[in-house]
């Protein structure tokens, strides 16, 4: 695939190509599959990274163990998970625990996975993943935040209503477009159904909430 770049972009690309340190930093952060055709480069980008070398030295000098390092990572993830979870509708989890412990709040600390239910925990984990995607998806993936092109604000400011119509059964482009013309006095963008399948209810997106203010 050929991409036509502007002269300014070509100049920046040239600077990047000759700045080896900056280029290697960018390549190091790429997903591994992107460099699958360059196994030796991938290996050395990782093993020779200063932070990786510093980590290996710390392990060798017994400053901490791999397990302590892992536990610190998961402790940080615990905080992320809690901050995301309290923004979700988790009544189904609370209702499940009510049925098991009632008013014995101390018993919650002793609950096992089978008691809470693998299906309930699986649902929580799935919704946490969705919440991460919703909150940290790059803005360019949201048409209402696009800096270029024509944006139908009369539609996107009422995207929550179109979402509810979709949930009520207007699941084809033709049906949802007809509903929008009748109820919103505008057309439904061709990309909207694909967008909502990725991002879900716009009311749960902080960037959409900020957009409609």
N, C-alpha and C. Protein backbone atom coordinates (compact mmCIF):
# COMPACT_ATOMS: atom_id res chain seq x y z
N UNK A 1 0.84 -1.19 0.00
CA UNK A 1 0.00 0.00 0.00
C UNK A 1 0.88 1.24 0.00
N UNK A 2 0.58 2.19 -0.89
CA UNK A 2 1.34 3.43 -0.99
C UNK A 2 0.57 4.56 -0.34
N UNK A 3 1.25 5.29 0.53
CA UNK A 3 0.65 6.43 1.21
C UNK A 3 1.34 7.69 0.72
N UNK A 4 0.57 8.63 0.21
CA UNK A 4 1.13 9.90 -0.26
C UNK A 4 1.21 10.87 0.92
N UNK A 5 2.43 11.25 1.26
CA UNK A 5 2.64 12.15 2.38
C UNK A 5 2.92 13.56 1.90
N UNK A 6 2.54 14.52 2.73
CA UNK A 6 2.87 15.92 2.44
C UNK A 6 4.36 16.12 2.63
N UNK A 7 4.87 17.24 2.15
CA UNK A 7 6.30 17.51 2.27
C UNK A 7 6.71 17.61 3.74
N UNK A 8 5.86 18.23 4.56
CA UNK A 8 6.18 18.34 5.99
C UNK A 8 6.24 16.97 6.65
N UNK A 9 5.29 16.10 6.28
CA UNK A 9 5.28 14.76 6.85
C UNK A 9 6.52 13.98 6.40
N UNK A 10 6.92 14.14 5.14
CA UNK A 10 8.12 13.46 4.64
C UNK A 10 9.36 13.93 5.40
N UNK A 11 9.40 15.22 5.69
CA UNK A 11 10.54 15.77 6.43
C UNK A 11 10.62 15.16 7.82
N UNK A 12 9.45 15.06 8.49
CA UNK A 12 9.42 14.47 9.83
C UNK A 12 9.79 13.00 9.79
N UNK A 13 9.32 12.28 8.75
CA UNK A 13 9.67 10.87 8.60
C UNK A 13 11.18 10.72 8.41
N UNK A 14 11.78 11.62 7.61
CA UNK A 14 13.21 11.58 7.39
C UNK A 14 13.99 11.78 8.68
N UNK A 15 13.51 12.73 9.49
CA UNK A 15 14.16 12.99 10.78
C UNK A 15 14.08 11.76 11.68
N UNK A 16 12.93 11.10 11.65
CA UNK A 16 12.74 9.91 12.47
C UNK A 16 13.67 8.79 12.01
N UNK A 17 13.82 8.65 10.70
CA UNK A 17 14.65 7.56 10.16
C UNK A 17 16.12 7.71 10.55
N UNK A 18 16.58 8.95 10.66
CA UNK A 18 18.00 9.15 11.01
C UNK A 18 18.21 9.25 12.52
N UNK A 19 17.12 9.43 13.27
CA UNK A 19 17.23 9.47 14.73
C UNK A 19 17.01 8.05 15.26
N UNK A 20 18.07 7.27 15.29
CA UNK A 20 17.97 5.85 15.61
C UNK A 20 17.36 5.60 16.98
N UNK A 21 17.75 6.39 17.97
CA UNK A 21 17.24 6.17 19.33
C UNK A 21 15.72 6.34 19.39
N UNK A 22 15.24 7.41 18.77
CA UNK A 22 13.80 7.65 18.79
C UNK A 22 13.05 6.58 18.00
N UNK A 23 13.64 6.17 16.88
CA UNK A 23 13.01 5.14 16.06
C UNK A 23 12.93 3.81 16.80
N UNK A 24 14.02 3.43 17.45
CA UNK A 24 14.01 2.16 18.18
C UNK A 24 13.03 2.20 19.35
N UNK A 25 12.89 3.37 19.99
CA UNK A 25 11.91 3.49 21.08
C UNK A 25 10.49 3.24 20.54
N UNK A 26 10.19 3.81 19.38
CA UNK A 26 8.86 3.61 18.79
C UNK A 26 8.64 2.16 18.40
N UNK A 27 9.65 1.54 17.80
CA UNK A 27 9.53 0.14 17.37
C UNK A 27 9.38 -0.79 18.57
N UNK A 28 10.04 -0.47 19.67
CA UNK A 28 9.98 -1.32 20.86
C UNK A 28 8.56 -1.42 21.40
N UNK A 29 7.78 -0.33 21.27
CA UNK A 29 6.43 -0.31 21.83
C UNK A 29 5.38 -0.90 20.91
N UNK A 30 5.79 -1.31 19.71
CA UNK A 30 4.83 -1.94 18.80
C UNK A 30 4.42 -3.32 19.31
N UNK A 31 3.18 -3.76 19.05
CA UNK A 31 2.80 -5.14 19.37
C UNK A 31 3.74 -6.12 18.67
N UNK A 32 4.07 -7.21 19.32
CA UNK A 32 5.07 -8.15 18.78
C UNK A 32 4.73 -8.66 17.39
N UNK A 33 3.44 -8.85 17.12
CA UNK A 33 3.06 -9.40 15.82
C UNK A 33 3.41 -8.46 14.68
N UNK A 34 3.55 -7.16 14.97
CA UNK A 34 3.90 -6.20 13.91
C UNK A 34 5.33 -6.40 13.42
N UNK A 35 6.16 -7.02 14.27
CA UNK A 35 7.56 -7.24 13.89
C UNK A 35 7.86 -8.72 13.70
N UNK A 36 6.83 -9.51 13.46
CA UNK A 36 7.01 -10.96 13.34
C UNK A 36 7.98 -11.34 12.22
N UNK A 37 8.06 -10.53 11.18
CA UNK A 37 8.95 -10.82 10.06
C UNK A 37 10.40 -10.44 10.35
N UNK A 38 10.62 -9.83 11.50
CA UNK A 38 11.97 -9.39 11.86
C UNK A 38 12.32 -9.92 13.25
N UNK A 39 12.46 -11.24 13.39
CA UNK A 39 12.64 -11.83 14.73
C UNK A 39 13.90 -11.37 15.46
N UNK A 40 15.01 -11.22 14.75
CA UNK A 40 16.24 -10.79 15.42
C UNK A 40 16.13 -9.35 15.89
N UNK A 41 15.55 -8.50 15.05
CA UNK A 41 15.32 -7.10 15.44
C UNK A 41 14.41 -7.04 16.66
N UNK A 42 13.33 -7.81 16.62
CA UNK A 42 12.39 -7.84 17.74
C UNK A 42 13.08 -8.27 19.02
N UNK A 43 13.90 -9.31 18.91
CA UNK A 43 14.60 -9.84 20.09
C UNK A 43 15.54 -8.81 20.69
N UNK A 44 16.32 -8.15 19.84
CA UNK A 44 17.31 -7.20 20.35
C UNK A 44 16.68 -5.90 20.82
N UNK A 45 15.59 -5.49 20.17
CA UNK A 45 14.91 -4.29 20.64
C UNK A 45 14.45 -4.45 22.08
N UNK A 46 14.06 -5.69 22.42
CA UNK A 46 13.59 -5.96 23.78
C UNK A 46 14.77 -6.18 24.73
N UNK A 47 15.64 -7.11 24.39
CA UNK A 47 16.69 -7.52 25.32
C UNK A 47 17.71 -6.41 25.59
N UNK A 48 17.91 -5.51 24.62
CA UNK A 48 18.91 -4.46 24.79
C UNK A 48 18.33 -3.12 25.23
N UNK A 49 17.02 -3.13 25.49
CA UNK A 49 16.40 -1.89 25.97
C UNK A 49 16.96 -1.56 27.36
N UNK A 50 17.33 -0.31 27.62
CA UNK A 50 17.93 0.06 28.91
C UNK A 50 17.09 -0.36 30.11
N UNK A 51 15.79 -0.23 30.02
CA UNK A 51 14.95 -0.59 31.16
C UNK A 51 14.92 -2.10 31.39
N UNK A 52 14.97 -2.87 30.30
CA UNK A 52 15.01 -4.33 30.44
C UNK A 52 16.34 -4.75 31.07
N UNK A 53 17.42 -4.12 30.65
CA UNK A 53 18.74 -4.43 31.22
C UNK A 53 18.78 -4.04 32.69
N UNK A 54 18.15 -2.91 33.04
CA UNK A 54 18.12 -2.48 34.44
C UNK A 54 17.31 -3.46 35.29
N UNK A 55 16.19 -3.95 34.72
CA UNK A 55 15.37 -4.94 35.43
C UNK A 55 16.17 -6.21 35.67
N UNK A 56 16.81 -6.71 34.64
CA UNK A 56 17.59 -7.95 34.77
C UNK A 56 18.68 -7.82 35.81
N UNK A 57 19.32 -6.66 35.85
CA UNK A 57 20.38 -6.43 36.84
C UNK A 57 19.80 -6.41 38.25
N UNK A 58 18.62 -5.78 38.40
CA UNK A 58 17.99 -5.73 39.73
C UNK A 58 17.61 -7.13 40.21
N UNK A 59 17.12 -7.97 39.29
CA UNK A 59 16.80 -9.36 39.65
C UNK A 59 18.06 -10.10 40.06
N UNK A 60 19.13 -9.93 39.29
CA UNK A 60 20.39 -10.60 39.57
C UNK A 60 20.97 -10.16 40.92
N UNK A 61 20.82 -8.86 41.22
CA UNK A 61 21.35 -8.33 42.49
C UNK A 61 20.39 -8.55 43.65
N UNK A 62 19.26 -9.25 43.38
CA UNK A 62 18.27 -9.59 44.40
C UNK A 62 17.66 -8.34 45.06
N UNK A 63 17.50 -7.28 44.28
CA UNK A 63 16.81 -6.09 44.80
C UNK A 63 15.33 -6.41 45.01
N UNK A 64 14.78 -7.28 44.18
CA UNK A 64 13.43 -7.79 44.30
C UNK A 64 13.33 -9.04 43.44
N UNK A 65 12.28 -9.82 43.66
CA UNK A 65 12.08 -11.04 42.87
C UNK A 65 11.09 -10.79 41.74
N UNK A 66 11.05 -11.71 40.80
CA UNK A 66 10.09 -11.60 39.70
C UNK A 66 8.67 -11.61 40.26
N UNK A 67 8.45 -12.41 41.31
CA UNK A 67 7.12 -12.50 41.91
C UNK A 67 6.71 -11.19 42.58
N UNK A 68 7.67 -10.52 43.25
CA UNK A 68 7.37 -9.22 43.86
C UNK A 68 7.04 -8.19 42.79
N UNK A 69 7.75 -8.23 41.69
CA UNK A 69 7.50 -7.32 40.57
C UNK A 69 6.11 -7.55 39.99
N UNK A 70 5.78 -8.84 39.80
CA UNK A 70 4.45 -9.21 39.29
C UNK A 70 3.36 -8.75 40.23
N UNK A 71 3.57 -8.98 41.53
CA UNK A 71 2.55 -8.61 42.51
C UNK A 71 2.32 -7.09 42.54
N UNK A 72 3.38 -6.32 42.33
CA UNK A 72 3.23 -4.86 42.30
C UNK A 72 2.42 -4.44 41.08
N UNK A 73 2.64 -5.12 39.96
CA UNK A 73 1.87 -4.82 38.74
C UNK A 73 0.39 -5.10 38.98
N UNK A 74 0.10 -6.29 39.55
CA UNK A 74 -1.31 -6.65 39.75
C UNK A 74 -1.97 -5.79 40.82
N UNK A 75 -1.20 -5.32 41.77
CA UNK A 75 -1.76 -4.39 42.76
C UNK A 75 -2.20 -3.11 42.08
N UNK A 76 -1.40 -2.66 41.11
CA UNK A 76 -1.78 -1.45 40.36
C UNK A 76 -3.01 -1.71 39.50
N UNK A 77 -3.07 -2.90 38.88
CA UNK A 77 -4.24 -3.25 38.08
C UNK A 77 -5.50 -3.35 38.93
N UNK A 78 -5.34 -3.78 40.18
CA UNK A 78 -6.49 -3.83 41.10
C UNK A 78 -7.12 -2.45 41.25
N UNK A 79 -6.27 -1.42 41.33
CA UNK A 79 -6.78 -0.05 41.47
C UNK A 79 -7.51 0.37 40.21
N UNK A 80 -6.90 0.06 39.05
CA UNK A 80 -7.57 0.39 37.78
C UNK A 80 -8.93 -0.28 37.70
N UNK A 81 -8.96 -1.58 38.05
CA UNK A 81 -10.20 -2.35 37.94
C UNK A 81 -11.28 -1.77 38.85
N UNK A 82 -10.91 -1.38 40.06
CA UNK A 82 -11.88 -0.80 40.98
C UNK A 82 -12.43 0.52 40.44
N UNK A 83 -11.53 1.38 39.95
CA UNK A 83 -11.96 2.68 39.45
C UNK A 83 -12.90 2.54 38.26
N UNK A 84 -12.66 1.52 37.42
CA UNK A 84 -13.54 1.28 36.28
C UNK A 84 -14.86 0.65 36.73
N UNK A 85 -14.75 -0.30 37.67
CA UNK A 85 -15.93 -1.06 38.09
C UNK A 85 -16.99 -0.19 38.76
N UNK A 86 -16.57 0.79 39.54
CA UNK A 86 -17.56 1.60 40.27
C UNK A 86 -18.32 2.54 39.32
N UNK A 87 -17.83 2.67 38.08
CA UNK A 87 -18.54 3.47 37.10
C UNK A 87 -19.53 2.64 36.29
N UNK A 88 -19.51 1.32 36.50
CA UNK A 88 -20.39 0.42 35.76
C UNK A 88 -21.65 0.13 36.58
N UNK A 89 -22.64 -0.39 35.90
CA UNK A 89 -23.83 -0.89 36.61
C UNK A 89 -23.51 -2.29 37.12
N UNK A 90 -23.24 -2.40 38.40
CA UNK A 90 -22.86 -3.70 38.97
C UNK A 90 -23.90 -4.23 39.95
N UNK A 91 -25.16 -3.81 39.79
CA UNK A 91 -26.22 -4.28 40.68
C UNK A 91 -26.38 -5.79 40.63
N UNK A 92 -26.14 -6.38 39.46
CA UNK A 92 -26.30 -7.83 39.34
C UNK A 92 -25.31 -8.57 40.24
N UNK A 93 -24.12 -8.00 40.44
CA UNK A 93 -23.13 -8.60 41.33
C UNK A 93 -23.55 -8.44 42.79
N UNK A 94 -24.00 -7.26 43.13
CA UNK A 94 -24.44 -7.01 44.50
C UNK A 94 -25.64 -7.89 44.84
N UNK A 95 -26.57 -8.03 43.90
CA UNK A 95 -27.74 -8.87 44.13
C UNK A 95 -27.34 -10.32 44.36
N UNK A 96 -26.34 -10.79 43.62
CA UNK A 96 -25.86 -12.16 43.78
C UNK A 96 -25.30 -12.37 45.19
N UNK A 97 -24.49 -11.41 45.63
CA UNK A 97 -23.87 -11.54 46.95
C UNK A 97 -24.91 -11.43 48.06
N UNK A 98 -25.92 -10.59 47.87
CA UNK A 98 -27.02 -10.49 48.86
C UNK A 98 -27.62 -11.85 49.14
N UNK A 99 -27.83 -12.60 48.04
CA UNK A 99 -28.47 -13.91 48.18
C UNK A 99 -27.62 -14.88 48.99
N UNK A 100 -26.31 -14.65 49.00
CA UNK A 100 -25.40 -15.59 49.67
C UNK A 100 -25.13 -15.21 51.11
N UNK A 101 -24.85 -13.90 51.37
CA UNK A 101 -24.42 -13.52 52.72
C UNK A 101 -25.43 -12.67 53.47
N UNK A 102 -26.42 -12.11 52.78
CA UNK A 102 -27.39 -11.27 53.48
C UNK A 102 -26.73 -10.07 54.13
N UNK A 103 -26.91 -9.93 55.46
CA UNK A 103 -26.33 -8.78 56.16
C UNK A 103 -24.98 -9.08 56.78
N UNK A 104 -24.44 -10.26 56.53
CA UNK A 104 -23.14 -10.65 57.10
C UNK A 104 -22.02 -10.14 56.19
N UNK A 105 -21.70 -8.84 56.29
CA UNK A 105 -20.74 -8.23 55.39
C UNK A 105 -19.35 -8.85 55.51
N UNK A 106 -18.99 -9.35 56.69
CA UNK A 106 -17.67 -9.95 56.88
C UNK A 106 -17.52 -11.24 56.08
N UNK A 107 -18.64 -11.90 55.79
CA UNK A 107 -18.58 -13.15 55.04
C UNK A 107 -18.16 -12.93 53.59
N UNK A 108 -18.33 -11.69 53.11
CA UNK A 108 -17.92 -11.38 51.74
C UNK A 108 -16.44 -11.69 51.52
N UNK A 109 -15.63 -11.45 52.56
CA UNK A 109 -14.18 -11.68 52.44
C UNK A 109 -13.84 -13.15 52.24
N UNK A 110 -14.76 -14.04 52.54
CA UNK A 110 -14.49 -15.47 52.45
C UNK A 110 -15.11 -16.12 51.23
N UNK A 111 -15.81 -15.35 50.40
CA UNK A 111 -16.51 -15.94 49.26
C UNK A 111 -15.53 -16.50 48.24
N UNK A 112 -15.93 -17.61 47.63
CA UNK A 112 -15.11 -18.24 46.60
C UNK A 112 -15.68 -17.95 45.21
N UNK A 113 -14.93 -18.26 44.19
CA UNK A 113 -15.40 -18.06 42.81
C UNK A 113 -16.67 -18.87 42.54
N UNK A 114 -16.72 -20.16 42.92
CA UNK A 114 -17.96 -20.93 42.67
C UNK A 114 -19.17 -20.33 43.38
N UNK A 115 -18.95 -19.77 44.58
CA UNK A 115 -20.08 -19.19 45.32
C UNK A 115 -20.64 -17.97 44.61
N UNK A 116 -19.76 -17.09 44.19
CA UNK A 116 -20.22 -15.90 43.46
C UNK A 116 -20.75 -16.30 42.09
N UNK A 117 -20.09 -17.28 41.49
CA UNK A 117 -20.52 -17.77 40.17
C UNK A 117 -19.55 -17.38 39.07
N UNK A 118 -19.06 -18.39 38.35
CA UNK A 118 -18.13 -18.12 37.25
C UNK A 118 -18.77 -17.23 36.20
N UNK A 119 -20.09 -17.40 35.98
CA UNK A 119 -20.78 -16.59 34.97
C UNK A 119 -20.82 -15.12 35.38
N UNK A 120 -21.05 -14.87 36.68
CA UNK A 120 -21.10 -13.49 37.18
C UNK A 120 -19.72 -12.84 37.08
N UNK A 121 -18.70 -13.57 37.49
CA UNK A 121 -17.34 -13.03 37.44
C UNK A 121 -16.92 -12.81 35.99
N UNK A 122 -17.29 -13.76 35.12
CA UNK A 122 -16.98 -13.59 33.70
C UNK A 122 -17.63 -12.36 33.12
N UNK A 123 -18.86 -12.10 33.54
CA UNK A 123 -19.57 -10.90 33.06
C UNK A 123 -18.87 -9.63 33.53
N UNK A 124 -18.43 -9.62 34.79
CA UNK A 124 -17.72 -8.46 35.32
C UNK A 124 -16.45 -8.20 34.52
N UNK A 125 -15.67 -9.27 34.27
CA UNK A 125 -14.41 -9.11 33.54
C UNK A 125 -14.66 -8.63 32.11
N UNK A 126 -15.71 -9.16 31.49
CA UNK A 126 -16.04 -8.74 30.13
C UNK A 126 -16.43 -7.27 30.09
N UNK A 127 -17.22 -6.84 31.07
CA UNK A 127 -17.66 -5.44 31.10
C UNK A 127 -16.51 -4.50 31.46
N UNK A 128 -15.56 -5.00 32.25
CA UNK A 128 -14.38 -4.19 32.54
C UNK A 128 -13.58 -3.95 31.27
N UNK A 129 -13.44 -5.01 30.45
CA UNK A 129 -12.72 -4.87 29.18
C UNK A 129 -13.43 -3.87 28.28
N UNK A 130 -14.75 -3.94 28.24
CA UNK A 130 -15.51 -2.99 27.42
C UNK A 130 -15.35 -1.57 27.92
N UNK A 131 -15.30 -1.43 29.25
CA UNK A 131 -15.16 -0.11 29.85
C UNK A 131 -13.81 0.51 29.50
N UNK A 132 -12.77 -0.31 29.49
CA UNK A 132 -11.44 0.18 29.10
C UNK A 132 -11.48 0.70 27.67
N UNK A 133 -12.09 -0.09 26.77
CA UNK A 133 -12.17 0.32 25.37
C UNK A 133 -12.97 1.61 25.21
N UNK A 134 -14.06 1.72 25.96
CA UNK A 134 -14.91 2.90 25.83
C UNK A 134 -14.20 4.16 26.32
N UNK A 135 -13.45 4.03 27.40
CA UNK A 135 -12.84 5.23 27.99
C UNK A 135 -11.54 5.64 27.34
N UNK A 136 -10.84 4.66 26.75
CA UNK A 136 -9.50 4.98 26.25
C UNK A 136 -9.33 4.77 24.75
N UNK A 137 -10.44 4.61 24.04
CA UNK A 137 -10.37 4.56 22.58
C UNK A 137 -9.93 5.93 22.06
N UNK A 138 -8.98 5.96 21.12
CA UNK A 138 -8.56 7.26 20.57
C UNK A 138 -9.75 8.06 20.04
N UNK A 139 -9.74 9.36 20.27
CA UNK A 139 -10.87 10.20 19.87
C UNK A 139 -11.18 10.14 18.39
N UNK A 140 -10.15 9.87 17.57
CA UNK A 140 -10.38 9.86 16.13
C UNK A 140 -11.34 8.76 15.71
N UNK A 141 -11.59 7.79 16.58
CA UNK A 141 -12.52 6.73 16.25
C UNK A 141 -13.98 7.15 16.50
N UNK A 142 -14.18 8.32 17.06
CA UNK A 142 -15.52 8.82 17.30
C UNK A 142 -15.83 9.91 16.28
N UNK A 143 -16.76 9.66 15.37
CA UNK A 143 -17.06 10.65 14.32
C UNK A 143 -17.42 12.03 14.86
N UNK A 144 -18.08 12.10 16.00
CA UNK A 144 -18.51 13.40 16.53
C UNK A 144 -17.34 14.24 17.04
N UNK A 145 -16.14 13.63 17.14
CA UNK A 145 -14.96 14.38 17.57
C UNK A 145 -13.98 14.62 16.42
N UNK A 146 -14.37 14.22 15.22
CA UNK A 146 -13.49 14.38 14.06
C UNK A 146 -13.19 15.86 13.82
N UNK A 147 -11.94 16.14 13.48
CA UNK A 147 -11.53 17.53 13.25
C UNK A 147 -11.73 17.94 11.79
N UNK A 148 -11.95 16.95 10.93
CA UNK A 148 -12.15 17.25 9.52
C UNK A 148 -13.40 16.54 9.01
N UNK A 149 -13.88 17.02 7.89
CA UNK A 149 -15.06 16.40 7.29
C UNK A 149 -16.35 16.96 7.87
N UNK A 150 -17.43 16.57 7.27
CA UNK A 150 -18.75 17.06 7.69
C UNK A 150 -19.28 16.18 8.83
N UNK A 151 -19.63 16.81 9.92
CA UNK A 151 -20.18 16.09 11.06
C UNK A 151 -21.64 16.48 11.22
N UNK A 152 -22.52 15.51 11.24
CA UNK A 152 -23.95 15.77 11.42
C UNK A 152 -24.25 15.88 12.91
N UNK A 153 -24.07 17.07 13.45
CA UNK A 153 -24.27 17.26 14.89
C UNK A 153 -25.73 17.03 15.29
N UNK A 154 -26.64 17.28 14.37
CA UNK A 154 -28.05 17.07 14.70
C UNK A 154 -28.33 15.59 14.95
N UNK A 155 -27.49 14.72 14.37
CA UNK A 155 -27.63 13.29 14.67
C UNK A 155 -26.83 12.92 15.92
N UNK A 156 -25.54 13.26 15.93
CA UNK A 156 -24.67 12.76 16.99
C UNK A 156 -25.03 13.31 18.37
N UNK A 157 -25.65 14.48 18.42
CA UNK A 157 -26.08 14.99 19.73
C UNK A 157 -27.27 14.21 20.27
N UNK A 158 -27.88 13.40 19.42
CA UNK A 158 -29.01 12.56 19.84
C UNK A 158 -28.72 11.08 19.59
N UNK A 159 -27.43 10.76 19.57
CA UNK A 159 -27.03 9.37 19.28
C UNK A 159 -27.58 8.40 20.33
N UNK A 160 -27.82 8.89 21.54
CA UNK A 160 -28.37 8.01 22.57
C UNK A 160 -29.77 7.55 22.19
N UNK A 161 -30.54 8.42 21.58
CA UNK A 161 -31.89 8.05 21.15
C UNK A 161 -31.83 7.03 20.02
N UNK A 162 -30.90 7.22 19.08
CA UNK A 162 -30.73 6.27 17.99
C UNK A 162 -30.27 4.91 18.53
N UNK A 163 -29.43 4.95 19.55
CA UNK A 163 -28.97 3.71 20.18
C UNK A 163 -30.16 2.95 20.79
N UNK A 164 -31.01 3.66 21.49
CA UNK A 164 -32.19 3.02 22.10
C UNK A 164 -33.12 2.45 21.03
N UNK A 165 -33.24 3.17 19.91
CA UNK A 165 -34.07 2.66 18.81
C UNK A 165 -33.49 1.36 18.26
N UNK A 166 -32.18 1.31 18.15
CA UNK A 166 -31.51 0.08 17.71
C UNK A 166 -31.81 -1.06 18.67
N UNK A 167 -31.73 -0.77 19.96
CA UNK A 167 -32.00 -1.78 20.99
C UNK A 167 -33.46 -2.25 20.94
N UNK A 168 -34.34 -1.37 20.48
CA UNK A 168 -35.76 -1.71 20.41
C UNK A 168 -36.13 -2.48 19.14
N UNK A 169 -35.15 -2.70 18.26
CA UNK A 169 -35.42 -3.52 17.09
C UNK A 169 -35.15 -2.92 15.74
N UNK A 170 -34.77 -1.65 15.69
CA UNK A 170 -34.44 -1.01 14.41
C UNK A 170 -32.98 -1.33 14.10
N UNK A 171 -32.72 -2.57 13.71
CA UNK A 171 -31.35 -3.07 13.66
C UNK A 171 -30.72 -3.04 12.28
N UNK A 172 -31.46 -2.63 11.26
CA UNK A 172 -30.86 -2.51 9.94
C UNK A 172 -30.65 -1.04 9.62
N UNK A 173 -29.77 -0.77 8.67
CA UNK A 173 -29.49 0.61 8.30
C UNK A 173 -30.76 1.29 7.80
N UNK A 174 -31.51 0.59 6.96
CA UNK A 174 -32.72 1.18 6.39
C UNK A 174 -33.75 1.51 7.46
N UNK A 175 -33.95 0.57 8.39
CA UNK A 175 -34.94 0.78 9.45
C UNK A 175 -34.53 1.91 10.38
N UNK A 176 -33.25 1.92 10.76
CA UNK A 176 -32.78 2.95 11.69
C UNK A 176 -32.75 4.32 11.00
N UNK A 177 -32.43 4.33 9.73
CA UNK A 177 -32.42 5.59 8.98
C UNK A 177 -33.83 6.17 8.90
N UNK A 178 -34.81 5.31 8.65
CA UNK A 178 -36.20 5.76 8.58
C UNK A 178 -36.64 6.29 9.95
N UNK A 179 -36.24 5.61 11.01
CA UNK A 179 -36.59 6.04 12.37
C UNK A 179 -35.98 7.42 12.65
N UNK A 180 -34.73 7.61 12.26
CA UNK A 180 -34.05 8.89 12.51
C UNK A 180 -34.71 10.03 11.74
N UNK A 181 -35.11 9.75 10.50
CA UNK A 181 -35.77 10.80 9.72
C UNK A 181 -37.10 11.20 10.35
N UNK A 182 -37.80 10.22 10.89
CA UNK A 182 -39.10 10.48 11.49
C UNK A 182 -38.99 11.15 12.86
N UNK A 183 -38.01 10.72 13.66
CA UNK A 183 -37.93 11.17 15.04
C UNK A 183 -36.85 12.23 15.32
N UNK A 184 -35.80 12.26 14.49
CA UNK A 184 -34.72 13.21 14.73
C UNK A 184 -34.59 14.24 13.60
N UNK A 185 -35.40 14.04 12.57
CA UNK A 185 -35.35 14.94 11.41
C UNK A 185 -33.97 14.99 10.76
N UNK A 186 -33.29 13.87 10.75
CA UNK A 186 -31.99 13.78 10.10
C UNK A 186 -31.76 12.33 9.69
N UNK A 187 -30.69 12.10 8.90
CA UNK A 187 -30.39 10.75 8.43
C UNK A 187 -29.46 10.05 9.41
N UNK A 188 -29.51 8.74 9.40
CA UNK A 188 -28.60 7.95 10.24
C UNK A 188 -27.32 7.69 9.44
N UNK A 189 -26.16 8.07 9.96
CA UNK A 189 -24.90 7.83 9.23
C UNK A 189 -24.70 6.34 8.95
N UNK A 190 -24.13 6.04 7.80
CA UNK A 190 -23.89 4.65 7.42
C UNK A 190 -23.01 3.92 8.44
N UNK A 191 -22.15 4.68 9.10
CA UNK A 191 -21.18 4.06 10.02
C UNK A 191 -21.74 3.86 11.42
N UNK A 192 -22.95 4.35 11.70
CA UNK A 192 -23.41 4.37 13.09
C UNK A 192 -23.60 2.98 13.69
N UNK A 193 -24.21 2.06 12.94
CA UNK A 193 -24.46 0.73 13.50
C UNK A 193 -23.13 0.04 13.80
N UNK A 194 -22.18 0.18 12.92
CA UNK A 194 -20.86 -0.40 13.19
C UNK A 194 -20.22 0.26 14.41
N UNK A 195 -20.40 1.57 14.51
CA UNK A 195 -19.84 2.29 15.65
C UNK A 195 -20.46 1.83 16.96
N UNK A 196 -21.78 1.70 17.02
CA UNK A 196 -22.42 1.32 18.28
C UNK A 196 -22.12 -0.11 18.67
N UNK A 197 -21.87 -0.98 17.67
CA UNK A 197 -21.50 -2.37 17.99
C UNK A 197 -20.12 -2.42 18.66
N UNK A 198 -19.30 -1.42 18.37
CA UNK A 198 -17.98 -1.35 18.98
C UNK A 198 -18.02 -0.65 20.33
N UNK A 199 -18.77 0.46 20.39
CA UNK A 199 -18.71 1.32 21.58
C UNK A 199 -19.93 1.24 22.49
N UNK A 200 -21.02 0.69 21.99
CA UNK A 200 -22.20 0.54 22.83
C UNK A 200 -22.95 1.84 23.07
N UNK A 201 -23.54 1.94 24.24
CA UNK A 201 -24.38 3.09 24.61
C UNK A 201 -23.53 4.36 24.70
N UNK A 202 -23.81 5.36 23.87
CA UNK A 202 -23.01 6.59 23.93
C UNK A 202 -23.07 7.29 25.28
N UNK A 203 -24.14 7.06 26.04
CA UNK A 203 -24.27 7.71 27.35
C UNK A 203 -23.21 7.23 28.33
N UNK A 204 -22.57 6.09 28.03
CA UNK A 204 -21.53 5.56 28.89
C UNK A 204 -20.14 6.08 28.51
N UNK A 205 -20.07 6.89 27.46
CA UNK A 205 -18.79 7.45 27.01
C UNK A 205 -18.62 8.86 27.56
N UNK A 206 -17.58 9.07 28.33
CA UNK A 206 -17.35 10.40 28.90
C UNK A 206 -17.10 11.42 27.80
N UNK A 207 -16.46 11.00 26.70
CA UNK A 207 -16.19 11.96 25.63
C UNK A 207 -17.48 12.39 24.93
N UNK A 208 -18.48 11.50 24.84
CA UNK A 208 -19.76 11.89 24.25
C UNK A 208 -20.52 12.81 25.21
N UNK A 209 -20.45 12.50 26.49
CA UNK A 209 -21.11 13.36 27.48
C UNK A 209 -20.53 14.78 27.44
N UNK A 210 -19.22 14.85 27.27
CA UNK A 210 -18.58 16.18 27.17
C UNK A 210 -18.96 16.87 25.87
N UNK A 211 -19.10 16.07 24.81
CA UNK A 211 -19.45 16.61 23.49
C UNK A 211 -20.82 17.27 23.47
N UNK A 212 -21.80 16.69 24.19
CA UNK A 212 -23.16 17.22 24.11
C UNK A 212 -23.41 18.36 25.08
N UNK A 213 -22.44 18.67 25.91
CA UNK A 213 -22.66 19.76 26.89
C UNK A 213 -22.81 21.10 26.18
